Each structure stands twice: as C-alpha cells, then as structure tokens.
C-alpha cells in the first residue's frame, strides 16, 4: 500500500486475481488487518469489502450455474438398460 501525498489517501497496485472465494476471503482479511492497524480508513475499507462481497457472491453463483449445466448435460446422456 502506498500513500498519494496530494490526497493523503492510500492507493493500491493491482494484486492477484480475485477469481476464487479463497482469494476474495484473503483480501477481506488483509483489509481488516489494515483497518485494525489504522493504516486504512474504516469508510474506505467498508466500501472495498462490499465490492469483495459482491465478487464472492458472483463467484458462488457462477460455480452453481456451471454445476447445474454439468448436471443437465449428464441427464441428457442415455443410460444403459433404459427403454425409450
């Protein structure tokens, strides 16, 4: 984390990809620690956590959608011994 001296607000460089619940959870933990240590204003931390929360929700919904599609594809496979 760096500080923009003209605004005295923290700035971040793009970090790792936030494409799994594990990475999203880790980033939330990082924000908590920064806020608890006084390195990040609580209002900014809150906003960032809300974005991460939405990302987590979208990841979960995407996983569910993919699993449903897999199950639907499996249900289309004819079973042995089944008469039409």
PDB file of N, CA and C in Angstrom:
ATOM      1  N   UNK A   1       0.856  -1.173   0.000  1.00  0.00           N
ATOM      2  CA  UNK A   1       0.000   0.000   0.000  1.00  0.00           C
ATOM      3  C   UNK A   1       0.898   1.230   0.000  1.00  0.00           C
ATOM      4  N   UNK A   2       0.554   2.195  -0.804  1.00  0.00           N
ATOM      5  CA  UNK A   2       1.270   3.463  -0.867  1.00  0.00           C
ATOM      6  C   UNK A   2       0.302   4.584  -0.534  1.00  0.00           C
ATOM      7  N   UNK A   3       0.857   5.769  -0.261  1.00  0.00           N
ATOM      8  CA  UNK A   3       0.006   6.915   0.018  1.00  0.00           C
ATOM      9  C   UNK A   3       0.218   7.967  -1.048  1.00  0.00           C
ATOM     10  N   UNK A   4      -0.863   8.479  -1.577  1.00  0.00           N
ATOM     11  CA  UNK A   4      -0.816   9.577  -2.532  1.00  0.00           C
ATOM     12  C   UNK A   4      -0.684  10.854  -1.717  1.00  0.00           C
ATOM     13  N   UNK A   5       0.499  11.492  -1.764  1.00  0.00           N
ATOM     14  CA  UNK A   5       0.762  12.650  -0.908  1.00  0.00           C
ATOM     15  C   UNK A   5      -0.145  13.837  -1.214  1.00  0.00           C
ATOM     16  N   UNK A   6      -0.639  13.933  -2.443  1.00  0.00           N
ATOM     17  CA  UNK A   6      -1.506  15.059  -2.773  1.00  0.00           C
ATOM     18  C   UNK A   6      -2.883  14.920  -2.126  1.00  0.00           C
ATOM     19  N   UNK A   7      -3.285  13.700  -1.833  1.00  0.00           N
ATOM     20  CA  UNK A   7      -4.605  13.470  -1.266  1.00  0.00           C
ATOM     21  C   UNK A   7      -4.548  12.831   0.121  1.00  0.00           C
ATOM     22  N   UNK A   8      -3.389  12.316   0.509  1.00  0.00           N
ATOM     23  CA  UNK A   8      -3.234  11.577   1.760  1.00  0.00           C
ATOM     24  C   UNK A   8      -4.205  10.411   1.866  1.00  0.00           C
ATOM     25  N   UNK A   9      -4.462   9.766   0.745  1.00  0.00           N
ATOM     26  CA  UNK A   9      -5.301   8.578   0.759  1.00  0.00           C
ATOM     27  C   UNK A   9      -4.473   7.404   0.246  1.00  0.00           C
ATOM     28  N   UNK A  10      -4.726   6.227   0.759  1.00  0.00           N
ATOM     29  CA  UNK A  10      -3.970   5.055   0.302  1.00  0.00           C
ATOM     30  C   UNK A  10      -4.299   4.708  -1.142  1.00  0.00           C
ATOM     31  N   UNK A  11      -3.315   4.228  -1.871  1.00  0.00           N
ATOM     32  CA  UNK A  11      -3.520   3.758  -3.234  1.00  0.00           C
ATOM     33  C   UNK A  11      -2.987   2.327  -3.306  1.00  0.00           C
ATOM     34  N   UNK A  12      -3.531   1.533  -4.203  1.00  0.00           N
ATOM     35  CA  UNK A  12      -3.113   0.143  -4.341  1.00  0.00           C
ATOM     36  C   UNK A  12      -2.726  -0.140  -5.764  1.00  0.00           C
ATOM     37  N   UNK A  13      -1.788  -1.052  -5.877  1.00  0.00           N
ATOM     38  CA  UNK A  13      -1.450  -1.591  -7.183  1.00  0.00           C
ATOM     39  C   UNK A  13      -2.279  -2.849  -7.360  1.00  0.00           C
ATOM     40  N   UNK A  14      -2.574  -3.166  -8.603  1.00  0.00           N
ATOM     41  CA  UNK A  14      -3.351  -4.381  -8.856  1.00  0.00           C
ATOM     42  C   UNK A  14      -2.592  -5.579  -8.315  1.00  0.00           C
ATOM     43  N   UNK A  15      -3.282  -6.362  -7.535  1.00  0.00           N
ATOM     44  CA  UNK A  15      -2.658  -7.540  -6.937  1.00  0.00           C
ATOM     45  C   UNK A  15      -3.037  -8.793  -7.689  1.00  0.00           C
ATOM     46  N   UNK A  16      -3.207  -9.845  -6.928  1.00  0.00           N
ATOM     47  CA  UNK A  16      -3.548 -11.121  -7.555  1.00  0.00           C
ATOM     48  C   UNK A  16      -4.992 -11.112  -8.045  1.00  0.00           C
ATOM     49  N   UNK A  17      -5.277 -12.091  -8.886  1.00  0.00           N
ATOM     50  CA  UNK A  17      -6.624 -12.201  -9.431  1.00  0.00           C
ATOM     51  C   UNK A  17      -7.596 -12.587  -8.325  1.00  0.00           C
ATOM     52  N   UNK A  18      -8.756 -12.010  -8.349  1.00  0.00           N
ATOM     53  CA  UNK A  18      -9.799 -12.303  -7.373  1.00  0.00           C
ATOM     54  C   UNK A  18     -10.852 -13.180  -8.033  1.00  0.00           C
ATOM     55  N   UNK A  19     -10.441 -14.393  -8.413  1.00  0.00           N
ATOM     56  CA  UNK A  19     -11.352 -15.270  -9.143  1.00  0.00           C
ATOM     57  C   UNK A  19     -11.752 -16.522  -8.367  1.00  0.00           C
ATOM     58  N   UNK A  20     -11.366 -16.589  -7.090  1.00  0.00           N
ATOM     59  CA  UNK A  20     -11.810 -17.695  -6.243  1.00  0.00           C
ATOM     60  C   UNK A  20     -12.272 -17.126  -4.907  1.00  0.00           C
ATOM     61  N   UNK A  21     -13.122 -17.878  -4.222  1.00  0.00           N
ATOM     62  CA  UNK A  21     -13.571 -17.423  -2.901  1.00  0.00           C
ATOM     63  C   UNK A  21     -12.404 -17.324  -1.931  1.00  0.00           C
ATOM     64  N   UNK A  22     -11.415 -18.181  -2.099  1.00  0.00           N
ATOM     65  CA  UNK A  22     -10.246 -18.154  -1.220  1.00  0.00           C
ATOM     66  C   UNK A  22      -9.470 -16.844  -1.349  1.00  0.00           C
ATOM     67  N   UNK A  23      -9.260 -16.369  -2.573  1.00  0.00           N
ATOM     68  CA  UNK A  23      -8.522 -15.113  -2.751  1.00  0.00           C
ATOM     69  C   UNK A  23      -9.346 -13.914  -2.283  1.00  0.00           C
ATOM     70  N   UNK A  24     -10.654 -13.973  -2.499  1.00  0.00           N
ATOM     71  CA  UNK A  24     -11.527 -12.891  -2.034  1.00  0.00           C
ATOM     72  C   UNK A  24     -11.499 -12.832  -0.510  1.00  0.00           C
ATOM     73  N   UNK A  25     -11.597 -13.997   0.127  1.00  0.00           N
ATOM     74  CA  UNK A  25     -11.557 -14.062   1.594  1.00  0.00           C
ATOM     75  C   UNK A  25     -10.225 -13.527   2.128  1.00  0.00           C
ATOM     76  N   UNK A  26      -9.145 -13.870   1.457  1.00  0.00           N
ATOM     77  CA  UNK A  26      -7.823 -13.400   1.864  1.00  0.00           C
ATOM     78  C   UNK A  26      -7.721 -11.875   1.770  1.00  0.00           C
ATOM     79  N   UNK A  27      -8.263 -11.319   0.698  1.00  0.00           N
ATOM     80  CA  UNK A  27      -8.242  -9.859   0.535  1.00  0.00           C
ATOM     81  C   UNK A  27      -9.089  -9.174   1.607  1.00  0.00           C
ATOM     82  N   UNK A  28     -10.208  -9.775   1.965  1.00  0.00           N
ATOM     83  CA  UNK A  28     -11.025  -9.212   3.044  1.00  0.00           C
ATOM     84  C   UNK A  28     -10.241  -9.212   4.356  1.00  0.00           C
ATOM     85  N   UNK A  29      -9.515 -10.278   4.606  1.00  0.00           N
ATOM     86  CA  UNK A  29      -8.689 -10.352   5.809  1.00  0.00           C
ATOM     87  C   UNK A  29      -7.600  -9.288   5.816  1.00  0.00           C
ATOM     88  N   UNK A  30      -7.022  -9.062   4.649  1.00  0.00           N
ATOM     89  CA  UNK A  30      -5.996  -8.029   4.531  1.00  0.00           C
ATOM     90  C   UNK A  30      -6.579  -6.648   4.846  1.00  0.00           C
ATOM     91  N   UNK A  31      -7.771  -6.381   4.320  1.00  0.00           N
ATOM     92  CA  UNK A  31      -8.426  -5.100   4.603  1.00  0.00           C
ATOM     93  C   UNK A  31      -8.733  -4.952   6.088  1.00  0.00           C
ATOM     94  N   UNK A  32      -9.176  -6.037   6.711  1.00  0.00           N
ATOM     95  CA  UNK A  32      -9.459  -5.999   8.148  1.00  0.00           C
ATOM     96  C   UNK A  32      -8.197  -5.634   8.938  1.00  0.00           C
ATOM     97  N   UNK A  33      -7.096  -6.305   8.609  1.00  0.00           N
ATOM     98  CA  UNK A  33      -5.843  -6.030   9.335  1.00  0.00           C
ATOM     99  C   UNK A  33      -5.374  -4.595   9.128  1.00  0.00           C
ATOM    100  N   UNK A  34      -5.466  -4.105   7.888  1.00  0.00           N
ATOM    101  CA  UNK A  34      -5.055  -2.726   7.610  1.00  0.00           C
ATOM    102  C   UNK A  34      -5.912  -1.732   8.387  1.00  0.00           C
ATOM    103  N   UNK A  35      -7.205  -1.995   8.450  1.00  0.00           N
ATOM    104  CA  UNK A  35      -8.119  -1.107   9.171  1.00  0.00           C
ATOM    105  C   UNK A  35      -7.871  -1.185  10.664  1.00  0.00           C
ATOM    106  N   UNK A  36      -7.700  -2.387  11.189  1.00  0.00           N
ATOM    107  CA  UNK A  36      -7.458  -2.559  12.623  1.00  0.00           C
ATOM    108  C   UNK A  36      -6.157  -1.897  13.064  1.00  0.00           C
ATOM    109  N   UNK A  37      -5.174  -1.858  12.163  1.00  0.00           N
ATOM    110  CA  UNK A  37      -3.882  -1.234  12.482  1.00  0.00           C
ATOM    111  C   UNK A  37      -3.864   0.269  12.193  1.00  0.00           C
ATOM    112  N   UNK A  38      -4.989   0.813  11.748  1.00  0.00           N
ATOM    113  CA  UNK A  38      -5.081   2.242  11.480  1.00  0.00           C
ATOM    114  C   UNK A  38      -4.442   2.685  10.182  1.00  0.00           C
ATOM    115  N   UNK A  39      -4.126   1.739   9.302  1.00  0.00           N
ATOM    116  CA  UNK A  39      -3.484   2.079   8.033  1.00  0.00           C
ATOM    117  C   UNK A  39      -4.487   2.355   6.922  1.00  0.00           C
ATOM    118  N   UNK A  40      -5.752   2.064   7.173  1.00  0.00           N
ATOM    119  CA  UNK A  40      -6.784   2.251   6.171  1.00  0.00           C
ATOM    120  C   UNK A  40      -8.020   2.810   6.851  1.00  0.00           C
ATOM    121  N   UNK A  41      -8.570   3.902   6.328  1.00  0.00           N
ATOM    122  CA  UNK A  41      -9.783   4.465   6.932  1.00  0.00           C
ATOM    123  C   UNK A  41     -10.938   3.459   6.865  1.00  0.00           C
ATOM    124  N   UNK A  42     -11.717   3.396   7.931  1.00  0.00           N
ATOM    125  CA  UNK A  42     -12.814   2.430   8.025  1.00  0.00           C
ATOM    126  C   UNK A  42     -13.837   2.603   6.907  1.00  0.00           C
ATOM    127  N   UNK A  43     -14.122   3.847   6.506  1.00  0.00           N
ATOM    128  CA  UNK A  43     -15.125   4.045   5.458  1.00  0.00           C
ATOM    129  C   UNK A  43     -14.655   3.489   4.116  1.00  0.00           C
ATOM    130  N   UNK A  44     -13.379   3.642   3.810  1.00  0.00           N
ATOM    131  CA  UNK A  44     -12.837   3.095   2.569  1.00  0.00           C
ATOM    132  C   UNK A  44     -12.788   1.570   2.648  1.00  0.00           C
ATOM    133  N   UNK A  45     -12.393   1.058   3.780  1.00  0.00           N
ATOM    134  CA  UNK A  45     -12.353  -0.390   3.979  1.00  0.00           C
ATOM    135  C   UNK A  45     -13.737  -0.992   3.778  1.00  0.00           C
ATOM    136  N   UNK A  46     -14.748  -0.357   4.333  1.00  0.00           N
ATOM    137  CA  UNK A  46     -16.127  -0.837   4.203  1.00  0.00           C
ATOM    138  C   UNK A  46     -16.533  -0.928   2.729  1.00  0.00           C
ATOM    139  N   UNK A  47     -16.221   0.123   1.976  1.00  0.00           N
ATOM    140  CA  UNK A  47     -16.588   0.137   0.555  1.00  0.00           C
ATOM    141  C   UNK A  47     -15.890  -0.982  -0.203  1.00  0.00           C
ATOM    142  N   UNK A  48     -14.632  -1.189   0.115  1.00  0.00           N
ATOM    143  CA  UNK A  48     -13.872  -2.230  -0.575  1.00  0.00           C
ATOM    144  C   UNK A  48     -14.382  -3.626  -0.209  1.00  0.00           C
ATOM    145  N   UNK A  49     -14.740  -3.809   1.051  1.00  0.00           N
ATOM    146  CA  UNK A  49     -15.285  -5.092   1.482  1.00  0.00           C
ATOM    147  C   UNK A  49     -16.621  -5.362   0.778  1.00  0.00           C
ATOM    148  N   UNK A  50     -17.421  -4.343   0.585  1.00  0.00           N
ATOM    149  CA  UNK A  50     -18.693  -4.533  -0.118  1.00  0.00           C
ATOM    150  C   UNK A  50     -18.449  -4.979  -1.560  1.00  0.00           C
ATOM    151  N   UNK A  51     -17.445  -4.430  -2.207  1.00  0.00           N
ATOM    152  CA  UNK A  51     -17.104  -4.858  -3.570  1.00  0.00           C
ATOM    153  C   UNK A  51     -16.636  -6.314  -3.543  1.00  0.00           C
ATOM    154  N   UNK A  52     -15.784  -6.651  -2.582  1.00  0.00           N
ATOM    155  CA  UNK A  52     -15.310  -8.026  -2.463  1.00  0.00           C
ATOM    156  C   UNK A  52     -16.460  -8.986  -2.168  1.00  0.00           C
ATOM    157  N   UNK A  53     -17.399  -8.545  -1.360  1.00  0.00           N
ATOM    158  CA  UNK A  53     -18.567  -9.369  -1.043  1.00  0.00           C
ATOM    159  C   UNK A  53     -19.366  -9.683  -2.310  1.00  0.00           C
ATOM    160  N   UNK A  54     -19.542  -8.684  -3.151  1.00  0.00           N
ATOM    161  CA  UNK A  54     -20.250  -8.893  -4.413  1.00  0.00           C
ATOM    162  C   UNK A  54     -19.473  -9.841  -5.325  1.00  0.00           C
ATOM    163  N   UNK A  55     -18.153  -9.674  -5.370  1.00  0.00           N
ATOM    164  CA  UNK A  55     -17.338 -10.595  -6.167  1.00  0.00           C
ATOM    165  C   UNK A  55     -17.503 -12.026  -5.675  1.00  0.00           C
ATOM    166  N   UNK A  56     -17.499 -12.198  -4.361  1.00  0.00           N
ATOM    167  CA  UNK A  56     -17.697 -13.524  -3.786  1.00  0.00           C
ATOM    168  C   UNK A  56     -19.047 -14.105  -4.162  1.00  0.00           C
ATOM    169  N   UNK A  57     -20.071 -13.282  -4.123  1.00  0.00           N
ATOM    170  CA  UNK A  57     -21.412 -13.732  -4.495  1.00  0.00           C
ATOM    171  C   UNK A  57     -21.442 -14.152  -5.961  1.00  0.00           C
ATOM    172  N   UNK A  58     -20.818 -13.360  -6.830  1.00  0.00           N
ATOM    173  CA  UNK A  58     -20.796 -13.687  -8.250  1.00  0.00           C
ATOM    174  C   UNK A  58     -20.011 -14.966  -8.528  1.00  0.00           C
ATOM    175  N   UNK A  59     -18.917 -15.170  -7.812  1.00  0.00           N
ATOM    176  CA  UNK A  59     -18.136 -16.399  -7.965  1.00  0.00           C
ATOM    177  C   UNK A  59     -18.987 -17.597  -7.571  1.00  0.00           C
ATOM    178  N   UNK A  60     -19.688 -17.492  -6.452  1.00  0.00           N
ATOM    179  CA  UNK A  60     -20.548 -18.579  -5.980  1.00  0.00           C
ATOM    180  C   UNK A  60     -21.653 -18.870  -6.986  1.00  0.00           C
ATOM    181  N   UNK A  61     -22.316 -17.840  -7.461  1.00  0.00           N
ATOM    182  CA  UNK A  61     -23.405 -18.033  -8.425  1.00  0.00           C
ATOM    183  C   UNK A  61     -22.894 -18.633  -9.729  1.00  0.00           C
ATOM    184  N   UNK A  62     -21.727 -18.214 -10.151  1.00  0.00           N
ATOM    185  CA  UNK A  62     -21.137 -18.757 -11.372  1.00  0.00           C
ATOM    186  C   UNK A  62     -20.814 -20.238 -11.204  1.00  0.00           C
ATOM    187  N   UNK A  63     -20.261 -20.600 -10.043  1.00  0.00           N
ATOM    188  CA  UNK A  63     -19.975 -22.008  -9.770  1.00  0.00           C
ATOM    189  C   UNK A  63     -21.252 -22.844  -9.784  1.00  0.00           C
ATOM    190  N   UNK A  64     -22.300 -22.348  -9.161  1.00  0.00           N
ATOM    191  CA  UNK A  64     -23.578 -23.063  -9.136  1.00  0.00           C
ATOM    192  C   UNK A  64     -24.124 -23.213 -10.554  1.00  0.00           C
ATOM    193  N   UNK A  65     -24.053 -22.136 -11.322  1.00  0.00           N
ATOM    194  CA  UNK A  65     -24.539 -22.174 -12.704  1.00  0.00           C
ATOM    195  C   UNK A  65     -23.787 -23.231 -13.515  1.00  0.00           C
ATOM    196  N   UNK A  66     -22.457 -23.291 -13.340  1.00  0.00           N
ATOM    197  CA  UNK A  66     -21.653 -24.287 -14.057  1.00  0.00           C
ATOM    198  C   UNK A  66     -22.006 -25.704 -13.625  1.00  0.00           C
ATOM    199  N   UNK A  67     -22.234 -25.911 -12.343  1.00  0.00           N
ATOM    200  CA  UNK A  67     -22.596 -27.240 -11.848  1.00  0.00           C
ATOM    201  C   UNK A  67     -23.956 -27.677 -12.387  1.00  0.00           C
ATOM    202  N   UNK A  68     -24.896 -26.761 -12.437  1.00  0.00           N
ATOM    203  CA  UNK A  68     -26.217 -27.084 -12.993  1.00  0.00           C
ATOM    204  C   UNK A  68     -26.084 -27.472 -14.461  1.00  0.00           C
ATOM    205  N   UNK A  69     -25.292 -26.727 -15.207  1.00  0.00           N
ATOM    206  CA  UNK A  69     -25.091 -27.037 -16.630  1.00  0.00           C
ATOM    207  C   UNK A  69     -24.465 -28.421 -16.792  1.00  0.00           C
ATOM    208  N   UNK A  70     -23.513 -28.769 -15.919  1.00  0.00           N
ATOM    209  CA  UNK A  70     -22.901 -30.094 -15.978  1.00  0.00           C
ATOM    210  C   UNK A  70     -23.932 -31.186 -15.682  1.00  0.00           C
ATOM    211  N   UNK A  71     -24.755 -30.962 -14.673  1.00  0.00           N
ATOM    212  CA  UNK A  71     -25.788 -31.943 -14.329  1.00  0.00           C
ATOM    213  C   UNK A  71     -26.806 -32.092 -15.455  1.00  0.00           C
ATOM    214  N   UNK A  72     -27.182 -30.987 -16.070  1.00  0.00           N
ATOM    215  CA  UNK A  72     -28.124 -31.042 -17.187  1.00  0.00           C
ATOM    216  C   UNK A  72     -27.526 -31.801 -18.360  1.00  0.00           C
ATOM    217  N   UNK A  73     -26.239 -31.597 -18.603  1.00  0.00           N
ATOM    218  CA  UNK A  73     -25.575 -32.319 -19.687  1.00  0.00           C
ATOM    219  C   UNK A  73     -25.529 -33.814 -19.377  1.00  0.00           C
ATOM    220  N   UNK A  74     -25.267 -34.165 -18.139  1.00  0.00           N
ATOM    221  CA  UNK A  74     -25.241 -35.577 -17.741  1.00  0.00           C
ATOM    222  C   UNK A  74     -26.617 -36.221 -17.858  1.00  0.00           C
ATOM    223  N   UNK A  75     -27.651 -35.462 -17.578  1.00  0.00           N
ATOM    224  CA  UNK A  75     -29.004 -36.022 -17.644  1.00  0.00           C
ATOM    225  C   UNK A  75     -29.428 -36.297 -19.081  1.00  0.00           C
ATOM    226  N   UNK A  76     -28.741 -35.751 -20.037  1.00  0.00           N
ATOM    227  CA  UNK A  76     -29.064 -35.972 -21.452  1.00  0.00           C
ATOM    228  C   UNK A  76     -28.401 -37.231 -22.004  1.00  0.00           C
ATOM    229  N   UNK A  77     -27.459 -37.799 -21.254  1.00  0.00           N
ATOM    230  CA  UNK A  77     -26.762 -38.999 -21.704  1.00  0.00           C
ATOM    231  C   UNK A  77     -27.679 -40.198 -21.492  1.00  0.00           C
ATOM    232  N   UNK A  78     -27.931 -40.981 -22.553  1.00  0.00           N
ATOM    233  CA  UNK A  78     -28.796 -42.153 -22.394  1.00  0.00           C
ATOM    234  C   UNK A  78     -28.156 -43.175 -21.447  1.00  0.00           C
ATOM    235  N   UNK A  79     -28.970 -43.770 -20.610  1.00  0.00           N
ATOM    236  CA  UNK A  79     -28.478 -44.755 -19.654  1.00  0.00           C
ATOM    237  C   UNK A  79     -28.651 -46.158 -20.237  1.00  0.00           C
ATOM    238  N   UNK A  80     -27.765 -47.045 -19.846  1.00  0.00           N
ATOM    239  CA  UNK A  80     -27.873 -48.436 -20.318  1.00  0.00           C
ATOM    240  C   UNK A  80     -29.109 -49.086 -19.709  1.00  0.00           C
ATOM    241  N   UNK A  81     -29.757 -49.850 -20.496  1.00  0.00           N
ATOM    242  CA  UNK A  81     -30.908 -50.577 -19.999  1.00  0.00           C
ATOM    243  C   UNK A  81     -32.186 -49.752 -19.957  1.00  0.00           C
ATOM    244  N   UNK A  82     -32.103 -48.517 -20.265  1.00  0.00           N
ATOM    245  CA  UNK A  82     -33.285 -47.657 -20.248  1.00  0.00           C
ATOM    246  C   UNK A  82     -33.968 -47.754 -21.607  1.00  0.00           C
ATOM    247  N   UNK A  83     -35.260 -47.999 -21.557  1.00  0.00           N
ATOM    248  CA  UNK A  83     -36.019 -48.110 -22.804  1.00  0.00           C
ATOM    249  C   UNK A  83     -36.689 -46.784 -23.114  1.00  0.00           C
ATOM    250  N   UNK A  84     -36.690 -46.444 -24.379  1.00  0.00           N
ATOM    251  CA  UNK A  84     -37.308 -45.196 -24.814  1.00  0.00           C
ATOM    252  C   UNK A  84     -38.738 -45.395 -25.185  1.00  0.00           C
TER     253      UNK A  84
END
